[in-house]
Amino acid sequence: MKRYAGIALAAVLFLLPSPGTSAGPVCGDRQKVIASLADKYAEEPVAIGVTANGGVIEVLKSPHGESWTILFTYPSGPSCLVASGEAWQDLEAKIKGPGA
């Protein structure tokens, strides 16, 4: 479980702009960000996880996957858009046998 949290945190840190870039991440109050994504793109949360530092990472998508957003909420409160795109596809869950 910790391995996945570390991977998620690494992905977030990789996707956030570096200090040398002029544009910073778009951040705000989580409820307002979620409401804005719902209003503009009909996106709703479909996956969530807690990172090693206590932050929360969420994937939001529109009903048919036309658009998607990854949102990171810091333990201190602000929520930041990490990435967004189109054509989200859910992968079929695979049933694993014993010992898998």
PDB file of N, CA and C in Angstrom:
ATOM      1  N   MET A   1       0.820  -1.191   0.000  1.00  0.00           N
ATOM      2  CA  MET A   1       0.000   0.000   0.000  1.00  0.00           C
ATOM      3  C   MET A   1       0.867   1.258   0.000  1.00  0.00           C
ATOM      4  N   LYS A   2       1.924   1.270   0.833  1.00  0.00           N
ATOM      5  CA  LYS A   2       2.797   2.434   0.886  1.00  0.00           C
ATOM      6  C   LYS A   2       3.497   2.652  -0.448  1.00  0.00           C
ATOM      7  N   ARG A   3       3.787   1.542  -1.155  1.00  0.00           N
ATOM      8  CA  ARG A   3       4.441   1.658  -2.449  1.00  0.00           C
ATOM      9  C   ARG A   3       3.584   2.480  -3.405  1.00  0.00           C
ATOM     10  N   TYR A   4       2.281   2.232  -3.414  1.00  0.00           N
ATOM     11  CA  TYR A   4       1.393   2.961  -4.312  1.00  0.00           C
ATOM     12  C   TYR A   4       1.274   4.426  -3.910  1.00  0.00           C
ATOM     13  N   ALA A   5       1.259   4.710  -2.613  1.00  0.00           N
ATOM     14  CA  ALA A   5       1.204   6.097  -2.155  1.00  0.00           C
ATOM     15  C   ALA A   5       2.454   6.836  -2.604  1.00  0.00           C
ATOM     16  N   GLY A   6       3.605   6.173  -2.522  1.00  0.00           N
ATOM     17  CA  GLY A   6       4.853   6.786  -2.971  1.00  0.00           C
ATOM     18  C   GLY A   6       4.845   7.059  -4.458  1.00  0.00           C
ATOM     19  N   ILE A   7       4.298   6.140  -5.231  1.00  0.00           N
ATOM     20  CA  ILE A   7       4.195   6.323  -6.678  1.00  0.00           C
ATOM     21  C   ILE A   7       3.273   7.496  -6.984  1.00  0.00           C
ATOM     22  N   ALA A   8       2.153   7.567  -6.282  1.00  0.00           N
ATOM     23  CA  ALA A   8       1.206   8.674  -6.505  1.00  0.00           C
ATOM     24  C   ALA A   8       1.857  10.013  -6.172  1.00  0.00           C
ATOM     25  N   LEU A   9       2.576  10.074  -5.053  1.00  0.00           N
ATOM     26  CA  LEU A   9       3.235  11.315  -4.668  1.00  0.00           C
ATOM     27  C   LEU A   9       4.300  11.686  -5.690  1.00  0.00           C
ATOM     28  N   ALA A  10       5.068  10.713  -6.149  1.00  0.00           N
ATOM     29  CA  ALA A  10       6.089  10.985  -7.160  1.00  0.00           C
ATOM     30  C   ALA A  10       5.451  11.531  -8.434  1.00  0.00           C
ATOM     31  N   ALA A  11       4.309  10.965  -8.811  1.00  0.00           N
ATOM     32  CA  ALA A  11       3.613  11.446 -10.010  1.00  0.00           C
ATOM     33  C   ALA A  11       3.157  12.885  -9.826  1.00  0.00           C
ATOM     34  N   VAL A  12       2.640  13.194  -8.648  1.00  0.00           N
ATOM     35  CA  VAL A  12       2.189  14.558  -8.372  1.00  0.00           C
ATOM     36  C   VAL A  12       3.363  15.520  -8.433  1.00  0.00           C
ATOM     37  N   LEU A  13       4.469  15.177  -7.790  1.00  0.00           N
ATOM     38  CA  LEU A  13       5.631  16.059  -7.784  1.00  0.00           C
ATOM     39  C   LEU A  13       6.211  16.225  -9.181  1.00  0.00           C
ATOM     40  N   PHE A  14       6.175  15.172  -9.982  1.00  0.00           N
ATOM     41  CA  PHE A  14       6.675  15.241 -11.352  1.00  0.00           C
ATOM     42  C   PHE A  14       5.809  16.155 -12.204  1.00  0.00           C
ATOM     43  N   LEU A  15       4.502  16.117 -11.997  1.00  0.00           N
ATOM     44  CA  LEU A  15       3.577  16.870 -12.843  1.00  0.00           C
ATOM     45  C   LEU A  15       3.428  18.329 -12.435  1.00  0.00           C
ATOM     46  N   LEU A  16       3.771  18.661 -11.182  1.00  0.00           N
ATOM     47  CA  LEU A  16       3.671  20.058 -10.762  1.00  0.00           C
ATOM     48  C   LEU A  16       4.773  20.862 -11.449  1.00  0.00           C
ATOM     49  N   PRO A  17       4.482  22.111 -11.788  1.00  0.00           N
ATOM     50  CA  PRO A  17       5.506  22.923 -12.443  1.00  0.00           C
ATOM     51  C   PRO A  17       6.729  23.095 -11.551  1.00  0.00           C
ATOM     52  N   SER A  18       7.891  23.177 -12.174  1.00  0.00           N
ATOM     53  CA  SER A  18       9.114  23.370 -11.413  1.00  0.00           C
ATOM     54  C   SER A  18       9.208  24.829 -10.970  1.00  0.00           C
ATOM     55  N   PRO A  19      10.034  25.116  -9.958  1.00  0.00           N
ATOM     56  CA  PRO A  19      10.133  26.490  -9.455  1.00  0.00           C
ATOM     57  C   PRO A  19      10.548  27.495 -10.520  1.00  0.00           C
ATOM     58  N   GLY A  20      11.240  27.070 -11.564  1.00  0.00           N
ATOM     59  CA  GLY A  20      11.692  27.984 -12.599  1.00  0.00           C
ATOM     60  C   GLY A  20      10.626  28.355 -13.617  1.00  0.00           C
ATOM     61  N   THR A  21       9.487  27.695 -13.615  1.00  0.00           N
ATOM     62  CA  THR A  21       8.455  28.008 -14.596  1.00  0.00           C
ATOM     63  C   THR A  21       7.626  29.190 -14.131  1.00  0.00           C
ATOM     64  N   SER A  22       7.061  29.926 -15.076  1.00  0.00           N
ATOM     65  CA  SER A  22       6.319  31.137 -14.725  1.00  0.00           C
ATOM     66  C   SER A  22       4.907  30.836 -14.233  1.00  0.00           C
ATOM     67  N   ALA A  23       4.275  29.804 -14.749  1.00  0.00           N
ATOM     68  CA  ALA A  23       2.894  29.497 -14.353  1.00  0.00           C
ATOM     69  C   ALA A  23       2.907  28.453 -13.247  1.00  0.00           C
ATOM     70  N   GLY A  24       2.194  28.735 -12.175  1.00  0.00           N
ATOM     71  CA  GLY A  24       2.097  27.787 -11.082  1.00  0.00           C
ATOM     72  C   GLY A  24       0.835  26.960 -11.219  1.00  0.00           C
ATOM     73  N   PRO A  25       0.685  25.973 -10.363  1.00  0.00           N
ATOM     74  CA  PRO A  25      -0.525  25.151 -10.417  1.00  0.00           C
ATOM     75  C   PRO A  25      -1.753  25.975 -10.032  1.00  0.00           C
ATOM     76  N   VAL A  26      -2.898  25.573 -10.541  1.00  0.00           N
ATOM     77  CA  VAL A  26      -4.157  26.220 -10.196  1.00  0.00           C
ATOM     78  C   VAL A  26      -4.650  25.577  -8.909  1.00  0.00           C
ATOM     79  N   CYS A  27      -4.751  26.361  -7.845  1.00  0.00           N
ATOM     80  CA  CYS A  27      -5.135  25.832  -6.537  1.00  0.00           C
ATOM     81  C   CYS A  27      -6.302  26.628  -5.971  1.00  0.00           C
ATOM     82  N   GLY A  28      -7.026  25.999  -5.045  1.00  0.00           N
ATOM     83  CA  GLY A  28      -8.124  26.673  -4.379  1.00  0.00           C
ATOM     84  C   GLY A  28      -8.787  25.768  -3.368  1.00  0.00           C
ATOM     85  N   ASP A  29      -9.894  26.228  -2.848  1.00  0.00           N
ATOM     86  CA  ASP A  29     -10.692  25.456  -1.905  1.00  0.00           C
ATOM     87  C   ASP A  29     -11.250  24.222  -2.614  1.00  0.00           C
ATOM     88  N   ARG A  30     -11.096  23.048  -2.004  1.00  0.00           N
ATOM     89  CA  ARG A  30     -11.500  21.803  -2.651  1.00  0.00           C
ATOM     90  C   ARG A  30     -12.953  21.834  -3.104  1.00  0.00           C
ATOM     91  N   GLN A  31     -13.851  22.245  -2.231  1.00  0.00           N
ATOM     92  CA  GLN A  31     -15.276  22.252  -2.588  1.00  0.00           C
ATOM     93  C   GLN A  31     -15.548  23.140  -3.799  1.00  0.00           C
ATOM     94  N   LYS A  32     -14.869  24.274  -3.874  1.00  0.00           N
ATOM     95  CA  LYS A  32     -15.054  25.179  -5.009  1.00  0.00           C
ATOM     96  C   LYS A  32     -14.473  24.584  -6.294  1.00  0.00           C
ATOM     97  N   VAL A  33     -13.311  23.943  -6.177  1.00  0.00           N
ATOM     98  CA  VAL A  33     -12.689  23.317  -7.349  1.00  0.00           C
ATOM     99  C   VAL A  33     -13.572  22.193  -7.877  1.00  0.00           C
ATOM    100  N   ILE A  34     -14.054  21.339  -6.966  1.00  0.00           N
ATOM    101  CA  ILE A  34     -14.928  20.225  -7.358  1.00  0.00           C
ATOM    102  C   ILE A  34     -16.207  20.763  -8.008  1.00  0.00           C
ATOM    103  N   ALA A  35     -16.805  21.801  -7.411  1.00  0.00           N
ATOM    104  CA  ALA A  35     -18.037  22.392  -7.965  1.00  0.00           C
ATOM    105  C   ALA A  35     -17.791  22.978  -9.347  1.00  0.00           C
ATOM    106  N   SER A  36     -16.651  23.625  -9.534  1.00  0.00           N
ATOM    107  CA  SER A  36     -16.328  24.220 -10.828  1.00  0.00           C
ATOM    108  C   SER A  36     -16.156  23.150 -11.901  1.00  0.00           C
ATOM    109  N   LEU A  37     -15.451  22.063 -11.556  1.00  0.00           N
ATOM    110  CA  LEU A  37     -15.263  20.974 -12.522  1.00  0.00           C
ATOM    111  C   LEU A  37     -16.591  20.289 -12.844  1.00  0.00           C
ATOM    112  N   ALA A  38     -17.470  20.188 -11.860  1.00  0.00           N
ATOM    113  CA  ALA A  38     -18.792  19.595 -12.102  1.00  0.00           C
ATOM    114  C   ALA A  38     -19.617  20.496 -13.020  1.00  0.00           C
ATOM    115  N   ASP A  39     -19.583  21.805 -12.765  1.00  0.00           N
ATOM    116  CA  ASP A  39     -20.359  22.751 -13.575  1.00  0.00           C
ATOM    117  C   ASP A  39     -19.841  22.850 -15.014  1.00  0.00           C
ATOM    118  N   LYS A  40     -18.528  22.974 -15.165  1.00  0.00           N
ATOM    119  CA  LYS A  40     -17.952  23.205 -16.492  1.00  0.00           C
ATOM    120  C   LYS A  40     -17.845  21.941 -17.342  1.00  0.00           C
ATOM    121  N   TYR A  41     -17.516  20.799 -16.692  1.00  0.00           N
ATOM    122  CA  TYR A  41     -17.221  19.597 -17.461  1.00  0.00           C
ATOM    123  C   TYR A  41     -18.028  18.373 -17.048  1.00  0.00           C
ATOM    124  N   ALA A  42     -18.914  18.524 -16.087  1.00  0.00           N
ATOM    125  CA  ALA A  42     -19.706  17.409 -15.542  1.00  0.00           C
ATOM    126  C   ALA A  42     -18.805  16.320 -14.956  1.00  0.00           C
ATOM    127  N   GLU A  43     -17.618  16.728 -14.450  1.00  0.00           N
ATOM    128  CA  GLU A  43     -16.696  15.770 -13.855  1.00  0.00           C
ATOM    129  C   GLU A  43     -17.054  15.499 -12.397  1.00  0.00           C
ATOM    130  N   GLU A  44     -16.893  14.235 -12.022  1.00  0.00           N
ATOM    131  CA  GLU A  44     -17.155  13.796 -10.652  1.00  0.00           C
ATOM    132  C   GLU A  44     -16.008  12.898 -10.214  1.00  0.00           C
ATOM    133  N   PRO A  45     -15.703  12.850  -8.902  1.00  0.00           N
ATOM    134  CA  PRO A  45     -14.644  11.962  -8.422  1.00  0.00           C
ATOM    135  C   PRO A  45     -14.970  10.495  -8.698  1.00  0.00           C
ATOM    136  N   VAL A  46     -13.960   9.752  -9.202  1.00  0.00           N
ATOM    137  CA  VAL A  46     -14.126   8.321  -9.464  1.00  0.00           C
ATOM    138  C   VAL A  46     -13.061   7.468  -8.776  1.00  0.00           C
ATOM    139  N   ALA A  47     -11.994   8.107  -8.283  1.00  0.00           N
ATOM    140  CA  ALA A  47     -10.940   7.382  -7.567  1.00  0.00           C
ATOM    141  C   ALA A  47     -10.277   8.340  -6.597  1.00  0.00           C
ATOM    142  N   ILE A  48      -9.788   7.792  -5.479  1.00  0.00           N
ATOM    143  CA  ILE A  48      -9.175   8.620  -4.447  1.00  0.00           C
ATOM    144  C   ILE A  48      -8.129   7.799  -3.704  1.00  0.00           C
ATOM    145  N   GLY A  49      -7.092   8.457  -3.236  1.00  0.00           N
ATOM    146  CA  GLY A  49      -6.059   7.782  -2.454  1.00  0.00           C
ATOM    147  C   GLY A  49      -5.348   8.763  -1.550  1.00  0.00           C
ATOM    148  N   VAL A  50      -4.756   8.249  -0.485  1.00  0.00           N
ATOM    149  CA  VAL A  50      -4.011   9.064   0.467  1.00  0.00           C
ATOM    150  C   VAL A  50      -2.524   8.823   0.231  1.00  0.00           C
ATOM    151  N   THR A  51      -1.763   9.907   0.118  1.00  0.00           N
ATOM    152  CA  THR A  51      -0.331   9.790  -0.109  1.00  0.00           C
ATOM    153  C   THR A  51       0.420   9.653   1.213  1.00  0.00           C
ATOM    154  N   ALA A  52       1.696   9.335   1.131  1.00  0.00           N
ATOM    155  CA  ALA A  52       2.519   9.122   2.321  1.00  0.00           C
ATOM    156  C   ALA A  52       2.579  10.351   3.220  1.00  0.00           C
ATOM    157  N   ASN A  53       2.464  11.547   2.651  1.00  0.00           N
ATOM    158  CA  ASN A  53       2.539  12.760   3.462  1.00  0.00           C
ATOM    159  C   ASN A  53       1.170  13.222   3.961  1.00  0.00           C
ATOM    160  N   GLY A  54       0.144  12.415   3.741  1.00  0.00           N
ATOM    161  CA  GLY A  54      -1.191  12.759   4.220  1.00  0.00           C
ATOM    162  C   GLY A  54      -2.032  13.549   3.243  1.00  0.00           C
ATOM    163  N   GLY A  55      -1.509  13.809   2.060  1.00  0.00           N
ATOM    164  CA  GLY A  55      -2.293  14.491   1.037  1.00  0.00           C
ATOM    165  C   GLY A  55      -3.277  13.517   0.403  1.00  0.00           C
ATOM    166  N   VAL A  56      -4.203  14.059  -0.348  1.00  0.00           N
ATOM    167  CA  VAL A  56      -5.213  13.244  -1.014  1.00  0.00           C
ATOM    168  C   VAL A  56      -5.131  13.513  -2.507  1.00  0.00           C
ATOM    169  N   ILE A  57      -5.076  12.437  -3.283  1.00  0.00           N
ATOM    170  CA  ILE A  57      -5.072  12.559  -4.739  1.00  0.00           C
ATOM    171  C   ILE A  57      -6.384  11.974  -5.262  1.00  0.00           C
ATOM    172  N   GLU A  58      -7.020  12.690  -6.183  1.00  0.00           N
ATOM    173  CA  GLU A  58      -8.317  12.258  -6.723  1.00  0.00           C
ATOM    174  C   GLU A  58      -8.286  12.306  -8.238  1.00  0.00           C
ATOM    175  N   VAL A  59      -9.010  11.389  -8.837  1.00  0.00           N
ATOM    176  CA  VAL A  59      -9.252  11.416 -10.275  1.00  0.00           C
ATOM    177  C   VAL A  59     -10.724  11.739 -10.444  1.00  0.00           C
ATOM    178  N   LEU A  60     -11.010  12.736 -11.256  1.00  0.00           N
ATOM    179  CA  LEU A  60     -12.380  13.095 -11.603  1.00  0.00           C
ATOM    180  C   LEU A  60     -12.538  12.875 -13.097  1.00  0.00           C
ATOM    181  N   LYS A  61     -13.732  12.461 -13.513  1.00  0.00           N
ATOM    182  CA  LYS A  61     -13.967  12.313 -14.951  1.00  0.00           C
ATOM    183  C   LYS A  61     -15.407  12.640 -15.269  1.00  0.00           C
ATOM    184  N   SER A  62     -15.630  12.985 -16.510  1.00  0.00           N
ATOM    185  CA  SER A  62     -16.989  13.231 -16.990  1.00  0.00           C
ATOM    186  C   SER A  62     -17.665  11.877 -17.204  1.00  0.00           C
ATOM    187  N   PRO A  63     -19.002  11.859 -17.344  1.00  0.00           N
ATOM    188  CA  PRO A  63     -19.742  10.591 -17.403  1.00  0.00           C
ATOM    189  C   PRO A  63     -19.232   9.580 -18.432  1.00  0.00           C
ATOM    190  N   HIS A  64     -18.850  10.032 -19.600  1.00  0.00           N
ATOM    191  CA  HIS A  64     -18.412   9.103 -20.641  1.00  0.00           C
ATOM    192  C   HIS A  64     -16.921   9.240 -20.934  1.00  0.00           C
ATOM    193  N   GLY A  65     -16.197   9.885 -20.032  1.00  0.00           N
ATOM    194  CA  GLY A  65     -14.751  10.006 -20.169  1.00  0.00           C
ATOM    195  C   GLY A  65     -14.274  11.050 -21.152  1.00  0.00           C
ATOM    196  N   GLU A  66     -15.159  11.968 -21.544  1.00  0.00           N
ATOM    197  CA  GLU A  66     -14.753  13.005 -22.493  1.00  0.00           C
ATOM    198  C   GLU A  66     -13.634  13.864 -21.919  1.00  0.00           C
ATOM    199  N   SER A  67     -13.661  14.082 -20.591  1.00  0.00           N
ATOM    200  CA  SER A  67     -12.622  14.857 -19.932  1.00  0.00           C
ATOM    201  C   SER A  67     -12.316  14.234 -18.574  1.00  0.00           C
ATOM    202  N   TRP A  68     -11.111  14.539 -18.059  1.00  0.00           N
ATOM    203  CA  TRP A  68     -10.697  14.044 -16.748  1.00  0.00           C
ATOM    204  C   TRP A  68      -9.728  15.041 -16.128  1.00  0.00           C
ATOM    205  N   THR A  69      -9.623  14.980 -14.803  1.00  0.00           N
ATOM    206  CA  THR A  69      -8.729  15.852 -14.050  1.00  0.00           C
ATOM    207  C   THR A  69      -8.140  15.079 -12.884  1.00  0.00           C
ATOM    208  N   ILE A  70      -6.877  15.328 -12.583  1.00  0.00           N
ATOM    209  CA  ILE A  70      -6.256  14.795 -11.368  1.00  0.00           C
ATOM    210  C   ILE A  70      -6.063  15.972 -10.429  1.00  0.00           C
ATOM    211  N   LEU A  71      -6.562  15.816  -9.218  1.00  0.00           N
ATOM    212  CA  LEU A  71      -6.556  16.870  -8.204  1.00  0.00           C
ATOM    213  C   LEU A  71      -5.764  16.388  -7.002  1.00  0.00           C
ATOM    214  N   PHE A  72      -4.875  17.226  -6.480  1.00  0.00           N
ATOM    215  CA  PHE A  72      -4.119  16.896  -5.269  1.00  0.00           C
ATOM    216  C   PHE A  72      -4.478  17.891  -4.186  1.00  0.00           C
ATOM    217  N   THR A  73      -4.892  17.380  -3.026  1.00  0.00           N
ATOM    218  CA  THR A  73      -5.205  18.233  -1.882  1.00  0.00           C
ATOM    219  C   THR A  73      -4.110  18.052  -0.842  1.00  0.00           C
ATOM    220  N   TYR A  74      -3.431  19.144  -0.532  1.00  0.00           N
ATOM    221  CA  TYR A  74      -2.358  19.132   0.454  1.00  0.00           C
ATOM    222  C   TYR A  74      -2.931  18.967   1.855  1.00  0.00           C
ATOM    223  N   PRO A  75      -2.165  18.373   2.770  1.00  0.00           N
ATOM    224  CA  PRO A  75      -2.639  18.240   4.151  1.00  0.00           C
ATOM    225  C   PRO A  75      -2.990  19.596   4.774  1.00  0.00           C
ATOM    226  N   SER A  76      -2.329  20.656   4.321  1.00  0.00           N
ATOM    227  CA  SER A  76      -2.596  21.990   4.856  1.00  0.00           C
ATOM    228  C   SER A  76      -3.851  22.629   4.281  1.00  0.00           C
ATOM    229  N   GLY A  77      -4.472  21.998   3.283  1.00  0.00           N
ATOM    230  CA  GLY A  77      -5.750  22.502   2.818  1.00  0.00           C
ATOM    231  C   GLY A  77      -5.956  22.774   1.350  1.00  0.00           C
ATOM    232  N   PRO A  78      -5.042  23.483   0.635  1.00  0.00           N
ATOM    233  CA  PRO A  78      -5.381  23.812  -0.745  1.00  0.00           C
ATOM    234  C   PRO A  78      -5.417  22.590  -1.660  1.00  0.00           C
ATOM    235  N   SER A  79      -6.294  22.637  -2.645  1.00  0.00           N
ATOM    236  CA  SER A  79      -6.399  21.600  -3.669  1.00  0.00           C
ATOM    237  C   SER A  79      -5.863  22.180  -4.969  1.00  0.00           C
ATOM    238  N   CYS A  80      -5.018  21.413  -5.655  1.00  0.00           N
ATOM    239  CA  CYS A  80      -4.387  21.892  -6.885  1.00  0.00           C
ATOM    240  C   CYS A  80      -4.647  20.938  -8.038  1.00  0.00           C
ATOM    241  N   LEU A  81      -4.922  21.520  -9.206  1.00  0.00           N
ATOM    242  CA  LEU A  81      -5.073  20.724 -10.414  1.00  0.00           C
ATOM    243  C   LEU A  81      -3.685  20.270 -10.844  1.00  0.00           C
ATOM    244  N   VAL A  82      -3.512  18.979 -11.002  1.00  0.00           N
ATOM    245  CA  VAL A  82      -2.219  18.414 -11.350  1.00  0.00           C
ATOM    246  C   VAL A  82      -2.144  18.140 -12.846  1.00  0.00           C
ATOM    247  N   ALA A  83      -3.208  17.583 -13.398  1.00  0.00           N
ATOM    248  CA  ALA A  83      -3.239  17.253 -14.815  1.00  0.00           C
ATOM    249  C   ALA A  83      -4.689  17.157 -15.258  1.00  0.00           C
ATOM    250  N   SER A  84      -4.911  17.328 -16.552  1.00  0.00           N
ATOM    251  CA  SER A  84      -6.254  17.157 -17.104  1.00  0.00           C
ATOM    252  C   SER A  84      -6.106  16.731 -18.557  1.00  0.00           C
ATOM    253  N   GLY A  85      -7.174  16.172 -19.082  1.00  0.00           N
ATOM    254  CA  GLY A  85      -7.109  15.728 -20.464  1.00  0.00           C
ATOM    255  C   GLY A  85      -8.458  15.248 -20.955  1.00  0.00           C
ATOM    256  N   GLU A  86      -8.415  14.469 -22.013  1.00  0.00           N
ATOM    257  CA  GLU A  86      -9.644  13.942 -22.593  1.00  0.00           C
ATOM    258  C   GLU A  86      -9.485  12.462 -22.886  1.00  0.00           C
ATOM    259  N   ALA A  87     -10.583  11.840 -23.246  1.00  0.00           N
ATOM    260  CA  ALA A  87     -10.631  10.435 -23.654  1.00  0.00           C
ATOM    261  C   ALA A  87     -10.176   9.474 -22.551  1.00  0.00           C
ATOM    262  N   TRP A  88     -10.691   9.673 -21.343  1.00  0.00           N
ATOM    263  CA  TRP A  88     -10.385   8.762 -20.222  1.00  0.00           C
ATOM    264  C   TRP A  88     -10.993   7.399 -20.514  1.00  0.00           C
ATOM    265  N   GLN A  89     -10.261   6.334 -20.226  1.00  0.00           N
ATOM    266  CA  GLN A  89     -10.772   4.982 -20.403  1.00  0.00           C
ATOM    267  C   GLN A  89     -10.560   4.204 -19.117  1.00  0.00           C
ATOM    268  N   ASP A  90     -11.621   3.567 -18.634  1.00  0.00           N
ATOM    269  CA  ASP A  90     -11.510   2.692 -17.481  1.00  0.00           C
ATOM    270  C   ASP A  90     -10.980   1.350 -17.951  1.00  0.00           C
ATOM    271  N   LEU A  91     -10.092   0.764 -17.174  1.00  0.00           N
ATOM    272  CA  LEU A  91      -9.576  -0.556 -17.497  1.00  0.00           C
ATOM    273  C   LEU A  91     -10.434  -1.603 -16.818  1.00  0.00           C
ATOM    274  N   GLU A  92     -10.625  -2.709 -17.477  1.00  0.00           N
ATOM    275  CA  GLU A  92     -11.399  -3.797 -16.916  1.00  0.00           C
ATOM    276  C   GLU A  92     -10.632  -4.405 -15.750  1.00  0.00           C
ATOM    277  N   ALA A  93     -11.320  -4.602 -14.631  1.00  0.00           N
ATOM    278  CA  ALA A  93     -10.688  -5.221 -13.477  1.00  0.00           C
ATOM    279  C   ALA A  93     -10.438  -6.695 -13.763  1.00  0.00           C
ATOM    280  N   LYS A  94      -9.265  -7.160 -13.433  1.00  0.00           N
ATOM    281  CA  LYS A  94      -8.905  -8.557 -13.646  1.00  0.00           C
ATOM    282  C   LYS A  94      -9.051  -9.295 -12.320  1.00  0.00           C
ATOM    283  N   ILE A  95      -9.645 -10.464 -12.354  1.00  0.00           N
ATOM    284  CA  ILE A  95      -9.780 -11.297 -11.163  1.00  0.00           C
ATOM    285  C   ILE A  95      -8.508 -12.115 -11.024  1.00  0.00           C
ATOM    286  N   LYS A  96      -7.889 -11.995  -9.858  1.00  0.00           N
ATOM    287  CA  LYS A  96      -6.636 -12.714  -9.624  1.00  0.00           C
ATOM    288  C   LYS A  96      -6.918 -13.968  -8.837  1.00  0.00           C
ATOM    289  N   GLY A  97      -6.216 -14.998  -9.191  1.00  0.00           N
ATOM    290  CA  GLY A  97      -6.354 -16.281  -8.514  1.00  0.00           C
ATOM    291  C   GLY A  97      -5.588 -16.303  -7.194  1.00  0.00           C
ATOM    292  N   PRO A  98      -5.628 -17.409  -6.493  1.00  0.00           N
ATOM    293  CA  PRO A  98      -4.914 -17.545  -5.217  1.00  0.00           C
ATOM    294  C   PRO A  98      -3.421 -17.297  -5.383  1.00  0.00           C
ATOM    295  N   GLY A  99      -2.877 -16.594  -4.417  1.00  0.00           N
ATOM    296  CA  GLY A  99      -1.440 -16.332  -4.419  1.00  0.00           C
ATOM    297  C   GLY A  99      -0.993 -15.232  -5.353  1.00  0.00           C
ATOM    298  N   ALA A 100      -1.927 -14.581  -6.029  1.00  0.00           N
ATOM    299  CA  ALA A 100      -1.561 -13.523  -6.976  1.00  0.00           C
ATOM    300  C   ALA A 100      -1.332 -12.216  -6.251  1.00  0.00           C
TER     301      ALA A 100
END
